[in-house]
């Protein structure tokens, strides 16, 4: 029998954990493995694995520390911003092989913006701004209480 005073998160399945894992890991791994296949470079898989590990550790730490949704979202968005900044560097380094692979395997879906480092840098900047805004709202809400 469960204790009525126990928090709801401790007595029910942690949907924030499984949902957070699915929402973060699936896109990171698909992007990394897909670009690795297109460019024939394992560095994109390594990027995906490092990003996935960092995502999982940040998510776990945030849930264990009891961060509210805004704070956890902000931290995860800032982590993604760092990951996409690194991804932009990888795209810049392997741009030619990535373009060739993309054109050969998926010619109908190819667009130069898909392999442009500036696209990943713009995504990193947008994620960074969104993460900073979420953290600012979280801190503002905490100080007003």
Protein backbone atom coordinates (compact mmCIF):
# COMPACT_ATOMS: atom_id res chain seq x y z
CA UNK A 1 0.00 0.00 0.00
CA UNK A 2 1.41 3.38 -0.92
CA UNK A 3 1.92 6.20 1.51
CA UNK A 4 -0.63 9.02 0.88
CA UNK A 5 2.00 11.59 1.86
CA UNK A 6 4.45 10.33 -0.81
CA UNK A 7 4.84 12.59 -3.82
CA UNK A 8 2.92 11.58 -6.94
CA UNK A 9 6.15 11.31 -8.97
CA UNK A 10 7.47 8.66 -6.59
CA UNK A 11 4.33 6.50 -6.76
CA UNK A 12 3.60 6.69 -10.51
CA UNK A 13 5.75 5.99 -13.57
CA UNK A 14 8.02 8.87 -14.39
CA UNK A 15 6.63 10.09 -17.68
CA UNK A 16 8.99 13.03 -17.64
CA UNK A 17 11.91 10.59 -17.68
CA UNK A 18 10.71 8.41 -20.53
CA UNK A 19 9.24 11.29 -22.49
CA UNK A 20 12.41 13.31 -22.03
CA UNK A 21 14.55 10.41 -23.18
CA UNK A 22 12.44 9.85 -26.28
CA UNK A 23 12.19 13.55 -27.14
CA UNK A 24 15.93 14.10 -26.81
CA UNK A 25 17.64 10.89 -27.81
CA UNK A 26 15.65 10.01 -30.90
CA UNK A 27 16.36 13.24 -32.86
CA UNK A 28 20.00 13.38 -31.76
CA UNK A 29 20.73 9.79 -32.69
CA UNK A 30 18.82 9.97 -35.97
CA UNK A 31 20.66 13.13 -36.98
CA UNK A 32 24.07 11.81 -36.00
CA UNK A 33 23.66 8.36 -37.53
CA UNK A 34 22.00 9.76 -40.65
CA UNK A 35 24.71 12.32 -41.30
CA UNK A 36 27.34 9.69 -40.56
CA UNK A 37 25.86 7.48 -43.26
CA UNK A 38 25.62 10.36 -45.73
CA UNK A 39 29.16 11.65 -45.14
CA UNK A 40 30.73 8.26 -44.48
CA UNK A 41 32.32 9.73 -41.36
CA UNK A 42 32.07 8.14 -37.91
CA UNK A 43 32.63 11.49 -36.23
CA UNK A 44 28.91 12.26 -36.62
CA UNK A 45 28.01 9.05 -34.77
CA UNK A 46 30.46 9.97 -32.03
CA UNK A 47 28.87 13.41 -31.81
CA UNK A 48 25.44 11.80 -31.48
CA UNK A 49 26.61 9.43 -28.76
CA UNK A 50 28.29 12.18 -26.73
CA UNK A 51 25.24 14.43 -27.13
CA UNK A 52 22.92 11.57 -26.12
CA UNK A 53 24.99 10.80 -23.02
CA UNK A 54 25.05 14.47 -22.03
CA UNK A 55 21.26 14.70 -22.60
CA UNK A 56 20.60 11.63 -20.46
CA UNK A 57 22.84 12.79 -17.62
CA UNK A 58 21.37 16.30 -17.61
CA UNK A 59 17.82 14.95 -17.67
CA UNK A 60 18.55 12.51 -14.85
CA UNK A 61 20.29 15.12 -12.72
CA UNK A 62 17.50 17.64 -13.23
CA UNK A 63 14.80 15.15 -12.28
CA UNK A 64 16.74 13.95 -9.22
CA UNK A 65 17.29 17.51 -8.03
CA UNK A 66 13.59 18.27 -8.46
CA UNK A 67 13.99 21.02 -11.02
CA UNK A 68 10.72 22.49 -12.21
CA UNK A 69 9.75 22.10 -15.86
CA UNK A 70 11.08 25.48 -16.96
CA UNK A 71 14.44 25.03 -15.31
CA UNK A 72 14.90 21.52 -16.71
CA UNK A 73 13.76 22.63 -20.17
CA UNK A 74 16.13 25.59 -20.08
CA UNK A 75 19.08 23.43 -19.08
CA UNK A 76 18.30 20.89 -21.79
CA UNK A 77 17.90 23.60 -24.43
CA UNK A 78 21.24 25.14 -23.47
CA UNK A 79 22.82 21.71 -23.72
CA UNK A 80 21.32 21.28 -27.20
CA UNK A 81 22.69 24.70 -28.16
CA UNK A 82 26.19 23.53 -27.24
CA UNK A 83 25.67 20.28 -29.13
CA UNK A 84 24.53 22.07 -32.28
CA UNK A 85 27.41 24.52 -32.07
CA UNK A 86 29.74 21.52 -32.11
CA UNK A 87 27.70 20.02 -34.95
CA UNK A 88 28.22 23.20 -36.98
CA UNK A 89 31.96 22.74 -36.55
CA UNK A 90 31.70 19.15 -37.76
CA UNK A 91 29.67 20.24 -40.77
CA UNK A 92 32.26 22.88 -41.63
CA UNK A 93 35.06 20.33 -41.44
CA UNK A 94 33.29 17.63 -43.49
CA UNK A 95 31.09 19.77 -45.74
CA UNK A 96 32.27 18.45 -49.09
CA UNK A 97 31.82 14.76 -48.30
CA UNK A 98 28.51 15.48 -46.60
CA UNK A 99 27.24 17.35 -49.67
CA UNK A 100 28.39 14.59 -52.01
CA UNK A 101 26.81 11.88 -49.89
CA UNK A 102 23.56 13.80 -49.51
CA UNK A 103 23.32 14.40 -53.26
CA UNK A 104 24.09 10.76 -54.04
CA UNK A 105 21.75 9.12 -51.51
CA UNK A 106 18.89 11.62 -51.21
CA UNK A 107 18.99 13.85 -54.30
CA UNK A 108 15.31 14.76 -54.06
CA UNK A 109 15.67 15.98 -50.47
CA UNK A 110 19.01 17.74 -50.88
CA UNK A 111 19.16 21.43 -50.19
CA UNK A 112 22.41 23.30 -49.55
CA UNK A 113 21.04 24.61 -46.25
CA UNK A 114 20.80 21.05 -44.91
CA UNK A 115 24.58 20.75 -44.82
CA UNK A 116 25.52 24.38 -44.24
CA UNK A 117 27.33 25.05 -40.96
CA UNK A 118 25.49 28.36 -40.65
CA UNK A 119 22.19 26.46 -40.44
CA UNK A 120 23.41 24.43 -37.46
CA UNK A 121 24.86 27.62 -35.94
CA UNK A 122 21.49 29.36 -36.34
CA UNK A 123 19.75 26.39 -34.69
CA UNK A 124 22.31 26.57 -31.86
CA UNK A 125 21.66 30.29 -31.40
CA UNK A 126 17.88 29.80 -31.35
CA UNK A 127 18.15 26.95 -28.85
CA UNK A 128 20.49 29.02 -26.69
CA UNK A 129 18.08 31.95 -26.63
CA UNK A 130 15.13 29.69 -25.84
CA UNK A 131 17.10 27.97 -23.07
CA UNK A 132 18.21 31.25 -21.55
CA UNK A 133 14.63 32.55 -21.65
CA UNK A 134 13.31 29.40 -19.96
CA UNK A 135 15.95 29.65 -17.23
CA UNK A 136 15.24 33.34 -16.74
CA UNK A 137 11.51 32.64 -16.38
CA UNK A 138 12.27 29.85 -13.93
CA UNK A 139 14.46 32.10 -11.80
CA UNK A 140 11.99 34.97 -12.00
CA UNK A 141 9.17 32.70 -10.88
CA UNK A 142 11.25 31.37 -7.99
CA UNK A 143 12.20 34.84 -6.74
CA UNK A 144 8.60 36.10 -6.92
CA UNK A 145 7.30 33.25 -4.72
